[in-house]
Amino acid sequence: MVELHSEPTLHTALLQFIFPFSIKPGQDKELIASLQKEGFTRFFLDNKELENAYYGEGYCVSHEKMERSYLPFAAHVLFPREKDSDSFRRFSRVNDLPCRLEMLFESVNFRILSTDVFLCPFELGFLTIRVAIEEKNLPFSTVLEFADRFRTLEDVCYQDKHAFIHCQEKSFGRVEDFVFKNLVSGLEPFLDPAEIDGAYFETLPFFVDERMLVQAFYGFNREEELDEISVELRYRASQLDGLTIDGKPFTSASDPEYIEQYTRDHCYSRWGPDTYYMTNEQTFCCLSRAKPDIATELVNQMYGEYYYGLLLSIFHKIVLLKLANLHSRLRINHDYEEIENLIFLINKFSAKFYFLELISQSQGREIFFQLRKVYGNDALFDEVKMTLNDLFQYQDKFQAKRRDTLLMVLTVFTVISGIYGMNQVIEDLKGNIDWSKMLEYSVFEYLALFLTFSGIAVSLGLTLREARNGIRSRRKRRYYDKD
């Protein structure tokens, strides 16, 4: 850590904390009922009364602009017109809760503006907590420290253990308790706890440290000493480098060349030197010295089209990781049905949700490409496509081998039971069967009778097995189509 001395201040600090989670299989309807009972409202673009309902005073997200920002096939997924399960189903609620975060050397007043819960395909969901810092001219490092403390669900360091949230005469020592026992108390029972060893969801190694992602807008005061938003400030914003244990600003790197190279790779600087966007795996933030009217438009974009672009990028990342994880758990010689299901899921994802072109406007497209590059989604998608090819090859070989085996079995039984078995006892099996004649059969006649009935039984058994597998396969397809 390198301690710093210069400290710019902010006139606006608005943050969105995003928590991805897995939903218990088949619990979508129950979760929706629980959310609606808690006061969450289903979000639709045609309800224009919601344009300024969730974002705080002075901010408005144009639904028309949001829809125009995305190409039709992407807008269909992000902004469904009906209750389509293969889409991003958003439920939102206004909170307007005044709170205070008490840290080691600082105390920050903030307001929970609203919360969103998204139910997405592949049994995934997102919880978004929309926060506004209520104090003016707050030091930049203090806001970064606030973001770093608030995003940590479980205490993982000394600063976390000495951070407390005070809200409505209640105090919470952990953000996890504040979120799941006070803010969205009905969500926790629906989180999938399968094989997670103390985490909330199992197949998401991208989020193993129990921290939420941070989307933020930092509006800097146009002070004379802050001629520009320096490379160092941009780097600290991306890393959430706030305050040391001694309460002093710091940066988590000391090599200027490294900081400059990192910032160059993770910065979108189209509107520099007054406005920059920083992207990495834990944060997506806008740093701006723009005038108030322009700053308001930037905030509206962060709440609108860029917010959905970030969610879509995270969704792609998590689904690709889940598909890769499912493949790693397959027992190739046993899990034949799981192989078919995985092939179906990969095809469904690539056909319905993963497109190279999603955004119509150039600036939004460039930011989306930057996010996709940071998350490494293209490389993951290529890996999943290679997995799909391998599974297809294995499935073809397996099915060919199964067909050959089945054909051999049916041929042997047909020949033996038909030519030998039926010819030996066929006359006794015509019309009204005299079962007493069978007591006089020789050993070869008993063998012929056994072969006759076993051939019939094998044929019926194979027919019933294929019918059962077909019914199970169709049921699973319908189940996955609902996800």
Protein backbone atom coordinates (compact mmCIF):
# COMPACT_ATOMS: atom_id res chain seq x y z
CA MET A 1 0.00 0.00 0.00
CA VAL A 2 1.19 3.47 -0.87
CA GLU A 3 -0.24 6.32 1.22
CA LEU A 4 -1.43 9.45 -0.61
CA HIS A 5 -1.81 13.07 0.39
CA SER A 6 -3.91 14.89 -2.23
CA GLU A 7 -7.61 14.22 -1.83
CA PRO A 8 -10.32 15.46 -4.24
CA THR A 9 -13.93 15.73 -3.08
CA LEU A 10 -17.21 14.64 -4.65
CA HIS A 11 -20.48 16.48 -5.11
CA THR A 12 -22.29 13.25 -6.07
CA ALA A 13 -21.72 9.61 -5.19
CA LEU A 14 -24.30 7.08 -6.40
CA LEU A 15 -23.69 3.35 -6.16
CA GLN A 16 -25.41 0.12 -7.14
CA PHE A 17 -24.34 -3.08 -5.38
CA ILE A 18 -25.10 -6.23 -7.37
CA PHE A 19 -25.28 -9.69 -5.82
CA PRO A 20 -25.66 -12.70 -8.18
CA PHE A 21 -27.27 -15.81 -6.74
CA SER A 22 -28.61 -19.22 -7.73
CA ILE A 23 -32.30 -19.98 -7.30
CA LYS A 24 -33.48 -23.33 -5.99
CA PRO A 25 -34.76 -25.44 -8.91
CA GLY A 26 -38.47 -25.02 -9.55
CA GLN A 27 -38.88 -22.19 -7.02
CA ASP A 28 -39.47 -19.31 -9.44
CA LYS A 29 -43.22 -18.99 -8.86
CA GLU A 30 -42.87 -19.16 -5.08
CA LEU A 31 -40.12 -16.53 -5.15
CA ILE A 32 -42.23 -14.21 -7.32
CA ALA A 33 -45.15 -14.56 -4.90
CA SER A 34 -42.84 -13.79 -1.97
CA LEU A 35 -41.42 -10.70 -3.68
CA GLN A 36 -44.85 -9.36 -4.53
CA LYS A 37 -45.95 -9.95 -0.96
CA GLU A 38 -43.00 -7.82 0.21
CA GLY A 39 -44.05 -4.95 -2.04
CA PHE A 40 -41.94 -5.56 -5.15
CA THR A 41 -43.54 -4.52 -8.44
CA ARG A 42 -42.99 -6.21 -11.80
CA PHE A 43 -41.04 -3.89 -14.08
CA PHE A 44 -42.24 -3.38 -17.66
CA LEU A 45 -41.00 -0.77 -20.11
CA ASP A 46 -44.50 0.23 -21.15
CA ASN A 47 -45.16 1.45 -17.59
CA LYS A 48 -43.60 4.90 -18.01
CA GLU A 49 -44.63 5.91 -14.50
CA LEU A 50 -41.62 3.91 -13.29
CA GLU A 51 -39.10 6.07 -15.20
CA ASN A 52 -38.30 8.19 -12.14
CA ALA A 53 -39.60 5.90 -9.38
CA TYR A 54 -36.44 4.12 -8.24
CA TYR A 55 -33.48 6.42 -8.83
CA GLY A 56 -33.75 9.30 -6.41
CA GLU A 57 -34.74 12.91 -6.84
CA GLY A 58 -33.64 14.53 -10.09
CA TYR A 59 -32.90 11.33 -12.01
CA CYS A 60 -35.03 9.68 -14.68
CA VAL A 61 -34.40 6.67 -16.90
CA SER A 62 -36.12 6.90 -20.27
CA HIS A 63 -37.68 3.55 -21.10
CA GLU A 64 -37.82 4.50 -24.76
CA LYS A 65 -34.08 5.21 -24.85
CA MET A 66 -33.33 1.95 -23.07
CA GLU A 67 -35.29 -0.07 -25.59
CA ARG A 68 -33.71 1.76 -28.54
CA SER A 69 -30.23 1.17 -27.13
CA TYR A 70 -30.49 -2.60 -27.64
CA LEU A 71 -31.11 -4.57 -30.81
CA PRO A 72 -34.54 -6.27 -30.94
CA PHE A 73 -33.39 -9.78 -30.03
CA ALA A 74 -31.52 -8.43 -26.98
CA ALA A 75 -34.39 -6.13 -25.96
CA HIS A 76 -36.73 -9.12 -26.07
CA VAL A 77 -34.60 -10.82 -23.38
CA LEU A 78 -33.90 -7.75 -21.24
CA PHE A 79 -37.31 -6.07 -21.49
CA PRO A 80 -39.95 -8.76 -22.03
CA ARG A 81 -43.46 -7.61 -22.87
CA GLU A 82 -45.00 -10.61 -21.14
CA LYS A 83 -44.11 -12.92 -18.26
CA ASP A 84 -41.58 -14.88 -20.30
CA SER A 85 -39.38 -17.21 -18.23
CA ASP A 86 -36.63 -17.03 -20.87
CA SER A 87 -35.96 -13.39 -20.05
CA PHE A 88 -34.77 -11.00 -17.36
CA ARG A 89 -37.81 -10.66 -15.10
CA ARG A 90 -37.29 -7.58 -12.95
CA PHE A 91 -39.05 -6.80 -9.68
CA SER A 92 -38.34 -3.46 -8.00
CA ARG A 93 -39.27 -1.73 -4.77
CA VAL A 94 -38.75 1.79 -3.43
CA ASN A 95 -37.06 1.75 0.00
CA ASP A 96 -36.05 5.35 0.74
CA LEU A 97 -34.28 4.24 3.93
CA PRO A 98 -31.91 6.69 5.67
CA CYS A 99 -28.94 4.78 7.08
CA ARG A 100 -25.45 5.35 8.41
CA LEU A 101 -22.28 3.30 7.94
CA GLU A 102 -19.90 3.59 10.85
CA MET A 103 -16.30 2.74 9.98
CA LEU A 104 -13.00 2.93 11.84
CA PHE A 105 -12.31 6.63 11.26
CA GLU A 106 -15.36 7.78 9.31
CA SER A 107 -19.13 7.76 9.54
CA VAL A 108 -21.11 8.17 6.31
CA ASN A 109 -24.81 8.92 5.96
CA PHE A 110 -26.43 7.23 3.00
CA ARG A 111 -29.87 6.33 1.71
CA ILE A 112 -31.13 3.05 0.26
CA LEU A 113 -33.09 4.35 -2.71
CA SER A 114 -34.50 1.09 -4.02
CA THR A 115 -33.82 -2.58 -4.61
CA ASP A 116 -34.17 -4.75 -7.71
CA VAL A 117 -34.48 -8.52 -7.94
CA PHE A 118 -33.97 -10.11 -11.36
CA LEU A 119 -35.02 -13.67 -12.11
CA CYS A 120 -33.07 -14.93 -15.10
CA PRO A 121 -32.83 -18.14 -17.14
CA PHE A 122 -30.56 -20.98 -15.98
CA GLU A 123 -31.82 -20.57 -12.39
CA LEU A 124 -29.85 -17.37 -11.86
CA GLY A 125 -30.85 -14.15 -10.18
CA PHE A 126 -29.49 -10.72 -9.33
CA LEU A 127 -30.12 -8.54 -6.31
CA THR A 128 -29.31 -4.85 -6.79
CA ILE A 129 -29.17 -2.37 -3.91
CA ARG A 130 -29.29 1.25 -5.08
CA VAL A 131 -27.47 3.64 -2.71
CA ALA A 132 -26.99 7.42 -2.62
CA ILE A 133 -24.37 9.07 -0.40
CA GLU A 134 -26.19 11.95 1.27
CA GLU A 135 -23.17 13.98 2.36
CA LYS A 136 -21.76 16.68 0.10
CA ASN A 137 -18.08 17.36 -0.59
CA LEU A 138 -17.09 13.99 0.81
CA PRO A 139 -13.47 12.96 0.20
CA PHE A 140 -13.06 10.50 -2.65
CA SER A 141 -11.20 8.01 -0.46
CA THR A 142 -14.02 7.94 2.06
CA VAL A 143 -16.52 7.04 -0.66
CA LEU A 144 -14.23 4.28 -1.94
CA GLU A 145 -13.88 2.96 1.60
CA PHE A 146 -17.66 3.05 1.98
CA ALA A 147 -18.09 1.05 -1.24
CA ASP A 148 -15.49 -1.51 -0.20
CA ARG A 149 -17.04 -2.02 3.23
CA PHE A 150 -20.64 -2.14 2.01
CA ARG A 151 -19.99 -4.64 -0.78
CA THR A 152 -18.48 -7.18 1.64
CA LEU A 153 -21.26 -9.49 2.78
CA GLU A 154 -19.15 -11.41 5.28
CA ASP A 155 -16.37 -9.95 7.44
CA VAL A 156 -13.05 -10.82 5.83
CA CYS A 157 -10.66 -8.22 7.23
CA TYR A 158 -10.05 -5.96 10.21
CA GLN A 159 -11.94 -3.02 8.71
CA ASP A 160 -15.00 -5.19 8.05
CA LYS A 161 -15.19 -6.30 11.66
CA HIS A 162 -15.23 -2.65 12.80
CA ALA A 163 -17.91 -1.52 10.35
CA PHE A 164 -21.56 -1.22 11.44
CA ILE A 165 -24.73 -0.23 9.63
CA HIS A 166 -27.35 1.71 11.58
CA CYS A 167 -30.86 1.79 10.10
CA GLN A 168 -34.23 2.46 11.74
CA GLU A 169 -32.92 2.08 15.29
CA LYS A 170 -31.26 -1.23 14.38
CA SER A 171 -27.56 -2.00 14.10
CA PHE A 172 -25.96 -4.65 11.96
CA GLY A 173 -22.41 -5.88 12.34
CA ARG A 174 -22.39 -7.60 8.95
CA VAL A 175 -23.73 -6.40 5.62
CA GLU A 176 -25.10 -9.90 5.05
CA ASP A 177 -27.46 -9.50 8.01
CA PHE A 178 -28.54 -6.04 6.90
CA VAL A 179 -29.34 -7.26 3.39
CA PHE A 180 -30.97 -10.65 4.02
CA LYS A 181 -32.60 -10.03 7.40
CA ASN A 182 -33.72 -6.45 7.00
CA LEU A 183 -33.64 -5.18 3.43
CA VAL A 184 -34.82 -8.26 1.45
CA SER A 185 -35.79 -10.66 4.20
CA GLY A 186 -37.79 -13.01 1.96
CA LEU A 187 -34.99 -13.84 -0.47
CA GLU A 188 -32.65 -16.03 1.56
CA PRO A 189 -34.93 -19.15 1.70
CA PHE A 190 -34.83 -19.33 -2.10
CA LEU A 191 -31.04 -19.23 -2.48
CA ASP A 192 -29.68 -22.56 -3.67
CA PRO A 193 -27.42 -24.00 -0.94
CA ALA A 194 -26.35 -27.15 -2.81
CA GLU A 195 -22.70 -28.14 -2.22
CA ILE A 196 -21.53 -24.67 -1.36
CA ASP A 197 -19.51 -25.17 1.85
CA GLY A 198 -20.63 -21.92 3.45
CA ALA A 199 -21.15 -19.90 0.23
CA TYR A 200 -24.48 -18.87 -1.24
CA PHE A 201 -24.13 -20.54 -4.60
CA GLU A 202 -21.88 -23.34 -5.75
CA THR A 203 -21.03 -22.96 -9.46
CA LEU A 204 -19.81 -19.37 -9.32
CA PRO A 205 -16.06 -19.39 -8.64
CA PHE A 206 -16.05 -15.86 -10.03
CA PHE A 207 -17.66 -14.61 -6.80
CA VAL A 208 -16.13 -16.87 -4.14
CA ASP A 209 -15.08 -14.04 -1.84
CA GLU A 210 -18.67 -13.14 -0.90
CA ARG A 211 -18.45 -9.60 -2.24
CA MET A 212 -20.99 -7.76 -4.32
CA LEU A 213 -20.11 -6.04 -7.57
CA VAL A 214 -20.10 -2.26 -7.54
CA GLN A 215 -21.48 0.04 -10.23
CA ALA A 216 -20.86 3.66 -9.31
CA PHE A 217 -20.95 7.26 -10.46
CA TYR A 218 -18.42 9.63 -8.91
CA GLY A 219 -19.04 13.31 -9.59
CA PHE A 220 -15.90 15.36 -8.80
CA ASN A 221 -16.00 18.99 -7.80
CA ARG A 222 -14.36 21.20 -10.41
CA GLU A 223 -11.66 22.48 -8.09
CA GLU A 224 -8.63 24.35 -9.31
CA GLU A 225 -6.23 21.81 -7.80
CA LEU A 226 -7.95 18.98 -9.71
CA ASP A 227 -7.00 19.82 -13.28
CA GLU A 228 -7.84 16.33 -14.46
CA ILE A 229 -8.96 12.91 -13.26
CA SER A 230 -5.55 11.39 -12.99
CA VAL A 231 -4.49 7.86 -13.85
CA GLU A 232 -3.97 7.20 -10.16
CA LEU A 233 -7.55 8.22 -9.28
CA ARG A 234 -8.94 6.02 -12.02
CA TYR A 235 -6.87 3.07 -10.83
CA ARG A 236 -8.01 3.55 -7.23
CA ALA A 237 -11.65 3.74 -8.33
CA SER A 238 -11.36 0.41 -10.14
CA GLN A 239 -9.66 -1.25 -7.16
CA LEU A 240 -11.77 0.47 -4.46
CA ASP A 241 -8.59 1.65 -2.72
CA GLY A 242 -10.01 3.72 0.11
CA LEU A 243 -8.41 4.16 3.53
CA THR A 244 -5.73 2.33 5.46
CA ILE A 245 -6.20 1.05 9.00
CA ASP A 246 -4.80 4.42 10.09
CA GLY A 247 -7.46 6.27 8.11
CA LYS A 248 -5.19 7.55 5.33
CA PRO A 249 -5.83 7.35 1.56
CA PHE A 250 -3.80 4.71 -0.26
CA THR A 251 -3.31 2.97 -3.56
CA SER A 252 -2.72 -0.77 -3.81
CA ALA A 253 0.12 -0.49 -6.33
CA SER A 254 3.41 1.40 -6.31
CA ASP A 255 4.78 0.99 -9.83
CA PRO A 256 3.66 3.95 -12.00
CA GLU A 257 4.14 1.95 -15.19
CA TYR A 258 1.93 -0.85 -13.90
CA ILE A 259 -0.78 1.62 -12.83
CA GLU A 260 -0.66 3.34 -16.21
CA GLN A 261 -0.77 0.07 -18.15
CA TYR A 262 -3.62 -1.30 -16.03
CA THR A 263 -5.62 1.89 -16.43
CA ARG A 264 -5.05 1.92 -20.18
CA ASP A 265 -6.37 -1.65 -20.45
CA HIS A 266 -9.43 -1.10 -18.25
CA CYS A 267 -10.40 2.49 -19.07
CA TYR A 268 -12.88 3.78 -21.65
CA SER A 269 -11.71 7.34 -22.32
CA ARG A 270 -13.88 8.53 -25.21
CA TRP A 271 -15.03 11.61 -23.22
CA GLY A 272 -11.75 12.39 -21.47
CA PRO A 273 -10.32 14.34 -19.83
CA ASP A 274 -13.56 15.17 -17.98
CA THR A 275 -15.24 11.76 -17.99
CA TYR A 276 -13.84 8.23 -17.81
CA TYR A 277 -15.32 4.76 -17.37
CA MET A 278 -13.36 2.07 -15.51
CA THR A 279 -14.19 -1.61 -15.85
CA ASN A 280 -12.85 -4.68 -14.12
CA GLU A 281 -14.23 -7.87 -12.59
CA GLN A 282 -15.45 -6.19 -9.41
CA THR A 283 -16.35 -2.63 -10.41
CA PHE A 284 -17.84 -0.61 -13.25
CA CYS A 285 -17.69 3.10 -12.51
CA CYS A 286 -17.95 6.50 -14.14
CA LEU A 287 -15.67 9.28 -12.93
CA SER A 288 -16.67 12.72 -14.17
CA ARG A 289 -15.92 16.42 -13.75
CA ALA A 290 -18.84 17.31 -16.03
CA LYS A 291 -21.27 20.14 -15.35
CA PRO A 292 -24.47 19.30 -13.41
CA ASP A 293 -26.76 18.90 -16.42
CA ILE A 294 -24.31 16.58 -18.19
CA ALA A 295 -23.63 14.70 -14.94
CA THR A 296 -27.36 14.02 -14.59
CA GLU A 297 -27.46 12.48 -18.08
CA LEU A 298 -24.45 10.33 -17.23
CA VAL A 299 -26.18 9.09 -14.07
CA ASN A 300 -29.33 8.29 -16.02
CA GLN A 301 -27.27 6.20 -18.42
CA MET A 302 -25.59 4.35 -15.54
CA TYR A 303 -29.04 3.58 -14.11
CA GLY A 304 -30.42 2.63 -17.53
CA GLU A 305 -28.74 1.06 -20.53
CA TYR A 306 -25.29 0.64 -18.94
CA TYR A 307 -26.86 -1.07 -15.92
CA TYR A 308 -28.51 -3.66 -18.14
CA GLY A 309 -25.33 -4.05 -20.17
CA LEU A 310 -23.43 -4.84 -16.99
CA LEU A 311 -26.06 -7.36 -15.85
CA LEU A 312 -25.99 -9.05 -19.25
CA SER A 313 -22.19 -9.32 -19.13
CA ILE A 314 -22.29 -10.83 -15.64
CA PHE A 315 -25.07 -13.19 -16.74
CA HIS A 316 -22.96 -14.39 -19.67
CA LYS A 317 -19.96 -14.90 -17.39
CA ILE A 318 -21.84 -16.91 -14.77
CA VAL A 319 -23.73 -19.12 -17.23
CA LEU A 320 -20.53 -19.94 -19.10
CA LEU A 321 -18.87 -20.85 -15.79
CA LYS A 322 -21.83 -23.00 -14.81
CA LEU A 323 -21.76 -24.84 -18.13
CA ALA A 324 -18.02 -25.43 -17.80
CA ASN A 325 -18.56 -26.64 -14.23
CA LEU A 326 -21.31 -29.04 -15.32
CA HIS A 327 -18.96 -30.48 -17.93
CA SER A 328 -16.18 -30.99 -15.39
CA ARG A 329 -18.54 -33.00 -13.14
CA LEU A 330 -19.76 -35.38 -15.83
CA ARG A 331 -18.94 -39.06 -15.56
CA ILE A 332 -18.59 -39.73 -19.24
CA ASN A 333 -19.27 -43.46 -19.01
CA HIS A 334 -22.36 -43.12 -16.81
CA ASP A 335 -24.11 -39.74 -17.10
CA TYR A 336 -25.64 -40.18 -20.54
CA GLU A 337 -28.77 -38.17 -19.80
CA GLU A 338 -26.72 -35.37 -18.22
CA ILE A 339 -24.61 -35.21 -21.39
CA GLU A 340 -27.75 -34.73 -23.47
CA ASN A 341 -29.00 -32.05 -21.07
CA LEU A 342 -25.68 -30.21 -21.20
CA ILE A 343 -25.72 -30.25 -25.00
CA PHE A 344 -29.24 -28.82 -24.90
CA LEU A 345 -28.27 -26.07 -22.41
CA ILE A 346 -25.22 -25.01 -24.40
CA ASN A 347 -27.26 -24.80 -27.61
CA LYS A 348 -30.00 -22.88 -25.82
CA PHE A 349 -27.53 -20.36 -24.39
CA SER A 350 -25.70 -19.76 -27.67
CA ALA A 351 -28.93 -19.47 -29.68
CA LYS A 352 -30.97 -17.24 -27.35
CA PHE A 353 -28.60 -15.23 -25.18
CA TYR A 354 -25.07 -14.90 -26.55
CA PHE A 355 -24.68 -12.55 -29.51
CA LEU A 356 -21.71 -10.55 -30.70
CA GLU A 357 -23.88 -7.54 -31.49
CA LEU A 358 -26.38 -6.49 -28.84
CA ILE A 359 -26.30 -2.69 -28.60
CA SER A 360 -27.28 -0.34 -31.40
CA GLN A 361 -25.41 2.83 -30.32
CA SER A 362 -21.66 3.03 -30.83
CA GLN A 363 -20.77 4.35 -27.36
CA GLY A 364 -22.82 1.72 -25.56
CA ARG A 365 -21.46 -0.98 -27.86
CA GLU A 366 -17.88 0.00 -27.09
CA ILE A 367 -18.50 -0.06 -23.33
CA PHE A 368 -20.23 -3.44 -23.63
CA PHE A 369 -17.27 -4.82 -25.59
CA GLN A 370 -14.97 -3.46 -22.87
CA LEU A 371 -17.00 -5.30 -20.20
CA ARG A 372 -17.03 -8.51 -22.19
CA LYS A 373 -13.29 -8.27 -22.67
CA VAL A 374 -12.67 -7.69 -18.95
CA TYR A 375 -14.82 -10.67 -17.97
CA GLY A 376 -13.19 -12.87 -20.62
CA ASN A 377 -16.56 -14.01 -21.95
CA ASP A 378 -15.41 -14.60 -25.52
CA ALA A 379 -12.63 -16.95 -24.41
CA LEU A 380 -15.05 -18.80 -22.13
CA PHE A 381 -17.58 -19.07 -24.95
CA ASP A 382 -14.95 -20.55 -27.28
CA GLU A 383 -14.12 -23.09 -24.59
CA VAL A 384 -17.78 -24.02 -24.18
CA LYS A 385 -18.15 -24.41 -27.96
CA MET A 386 -15.18 -26.81 -27.95
CA THR A 387 -16.89 -28.70 -25.13
CA LEU A 388 -20.03 -28.91 -27.26
CA ASN A 389 -18.08 -30.36 -30.19
CA ASP A 390 -16.45 -32.96 -27.91
CA LEU A 391 -19.82 -33.92 -26.44
CA PHE A 392 -21.35 -34.27 -29.90
CA GLN A 393 -18.51 -36.57 -31.00
CA TYR A 394 -18.81 -38.68 -27.87
CA GLN A 395 -22.59 -38.85 -28.17
CA ASP A 396 -22.38 -39.98 -31.80
CA LYS A 397 -19.93 -42.76 -30.90
CA PHE A 398 -21.98 -43.80 -27.88
CA GLN A 399 -25.27 -43.85 -29.80
CA ALA A 400 -23.68 -45.80 -32.68
CA LYS A 401 -22.31 -48.34 -30.19
CA ARG A 402 -25.69 -48.61 -28.45
CA ARG A 403 -27.49 -49.07 -31.78
CA ASP A 404 -25.05 -51.81 -32.79
CA THR A 405 -25.49 -53.59 -29.47
CA LEU A 406 -29.26 -53.31 -29.63
CA LEU A 407 -29.31 -54.56 -33.21
CA MET A 408 -27.11 -57.53 -32.28
CA VAL A 409 -29.32 -58.46 -29.32
CA LEU A 410 -32.51 -58.21 -31.34
CA THR A 411 -30.97 -60.17 -34.22
CA VAL A 412 -29.77 -62.99 -31.98
CA PHE A 413 -33.11 -63.31 -30.21
CA THR A 414 -35.04 -63.01 -33.43
CA VAL A 415 -33.03 -65.75 -35.12
CA ILE A 416 -32.84 -68.12 -32.17
CA SER A 417 -36.33 -67.63 -30.77
CA GLY A 418 -37.93 -67.34 -34.17
CA ILE A 419 -36.25 -70.11 -36.08
CA TYR A 420 -35.44 -72.50 -33.26
CA GLY A 421 -37.79 -71.63 -30.41
CA MET A 422 -41.01 -70.95 -32.27
CA ASN A 423 -40.53 -73.95 -34.59
CA GLN A 424 -40.23 -76.30 -31.64
CA VAL A 425 -43.26 -75.20 -29.62
CA ILE A 426 -45.33 -73.06 -31.98
CA GLU A 427 -48.01 -75.70 -32.49
CA ASP A 428 -48.64 -75.97 -28.75
CA LEU A 429 -49.07 -72.18 -28.45
CA LYS A 430 -51.89 -71.92 -31.01
CA GLY A 431 -55.53 -71.36 -30.02
CA ASN A 432 -56.48 -72.61 -26.57
CA ILE A 433 -53.18 -73.55 -24.98
CA ASP A 434 -53.06 -76.94 -23.29
CA TRP A 435 -50.53 -76.19 -20.54
CA SER A 436 -50.47 -79.88 -19.45
CA LYS A 437 -48.54 -80.78 -22.61
CA MET A 438 -45.61 -78.78 -21.32
CA LEU A 439 -45.12 -81.31 -18.52
CA GLU A 440 -44.03 -83.84 -21.20
CA TYR A 441 -41.47 -81.49 -22.86
CA SER A 442 -37.90 -82.57 -23.35
CA VAL A 443 -34.97 -80.41 -22.26
CA PHE A 444 -34.64 -78.89 -25.75
CA GLU A 445 -38.35 -78.11 -25.89
CA TYR A 446 -38.13 -76.33 -22.52
CA LEU A 447 -35.13 -74.39 -23.91
CA ALA A 448 -37.16 -73.47 -27.00
CA LEU A 449 -40.08 -72.31 -24.83
CA PHE A 450 -37.74 -70.21 -22.69
CA LEU A 451 -36.16 -68.61 -25.75
CA THR A 452 -39.58 -67.83 -27.20
CA PHE A 453 -40.88 -66.01 -24.14
CA SER A 454 -37.54 -64.35 -23.32
CA GLY A 455 -37.37 -62.99 -26.86
CA ILE A 456 -40.83 -61.50 -26.48
CA ALA A 457 -39.91 -60.11 -23.03
CA VAL A 458 -36.67 -58.55 -24.29
CA SER A 459 -38.48 -56.88 -27.19
CA LEU A 460 -41.16 -55.49 -24.90
CA GLY A 461 -38.57 -54.38 -22.34
CA LEU A 462 -36.49 -52.52 -24.91
CA THR A 463 -39.60 -50.87 -26.32
CA LEU A 464 -40.78 -49.75 -22.86
CA ARG A 465 -37.29 -48.48 -21.96
CA GLU A 466 -37.04 -46.35 -25.08
CA ALA A 467 -40.54 -45.01 -24.50
CA ARG A 468 -39.69 -44.15 -20.88
CA ASN A 469 -36.44 -42.43 -21.91
CA GLY A 470 -38.31 -40.43 -24.52
CA ILE A 471 -40.91 -39.26 -21.99
CA ARG A 472 -38.23 -38.31 -19.43
CA SER A 473 -36.27 -36.47 -22.10
CA ARG A 474 -39.33 -34.45 -23.16
CA ARG A 475 -40.13 -33.61 -19.53
CA LYS A 476 -36.59 -32.35 -18.96
CA ARG A 477 -36.73 -30.30 -22.14
CA ARG A 478 -39.95 -28.65 -20.96
CA TYR A 479 -38.35 -28.03 -17.55
CA TYR A 480 -35.26 -26.39 -19.02
CA ASP A 481 -37.39 -24.39 -21.46
CA LYS A 482 -39.11 -22.82 -18.46
CA ASP A 483 -35.79 -21.70 -16.92
